[in-house]
Amino acid sequence: MNRLIFFLIIISFISCEKTTDYKRIIQNDSDYDIWIINPYYRALDSTNTFTECREIVLDSIAVARKTSYVLEVVNTNRSVDFHADCPFICLDTLETRIHNRDSLRLNINLYPSDSNWVYTVFQEGEKGSCECRLIITNSSIE
């Protein structure tokens, strides 16, 4: 009986932990397919500080026109306010290429602190939820 009570107390403490679901999303509203490239790709990198980063295996991904792609989904023990400046968690350096259009370039920066990222809070509080979204349009490509 004592073990059961101890187990229930431990479970209640674990469930009280403050967590935030955080996503970084690239939304491609342009007429072009865009490649997102991770130049520092290292599969299952054990040197990252966040354990979620050890599972990132993104080498490159094509974000088709009129679609979106979730770059990162992490559950952190930080408040939603911590994510207001759209920090990267695992993918800190990304490059782009316009599919089959070598003469075109994306004229916005994918770096999280760029003002083109839009921060949205879906749920405040200890079990919060937020996202940062970068919307790419035809005017973002030159």
Foldseek 3Di string as FASTA:
>chain_A
DVVVVVVVVVVVVVVPQFKEKEWEKEFAQAQFKKKKAQPPADAQDPPAPDNQLSHDRDGMDIAGHRGMDTRDIDMGSDFLVVCQQPADRRRQDIAMDTPPCNPKGFQFDPHSNGPQWDKDWPAGDRHTYIYTYHYHYNVRMD
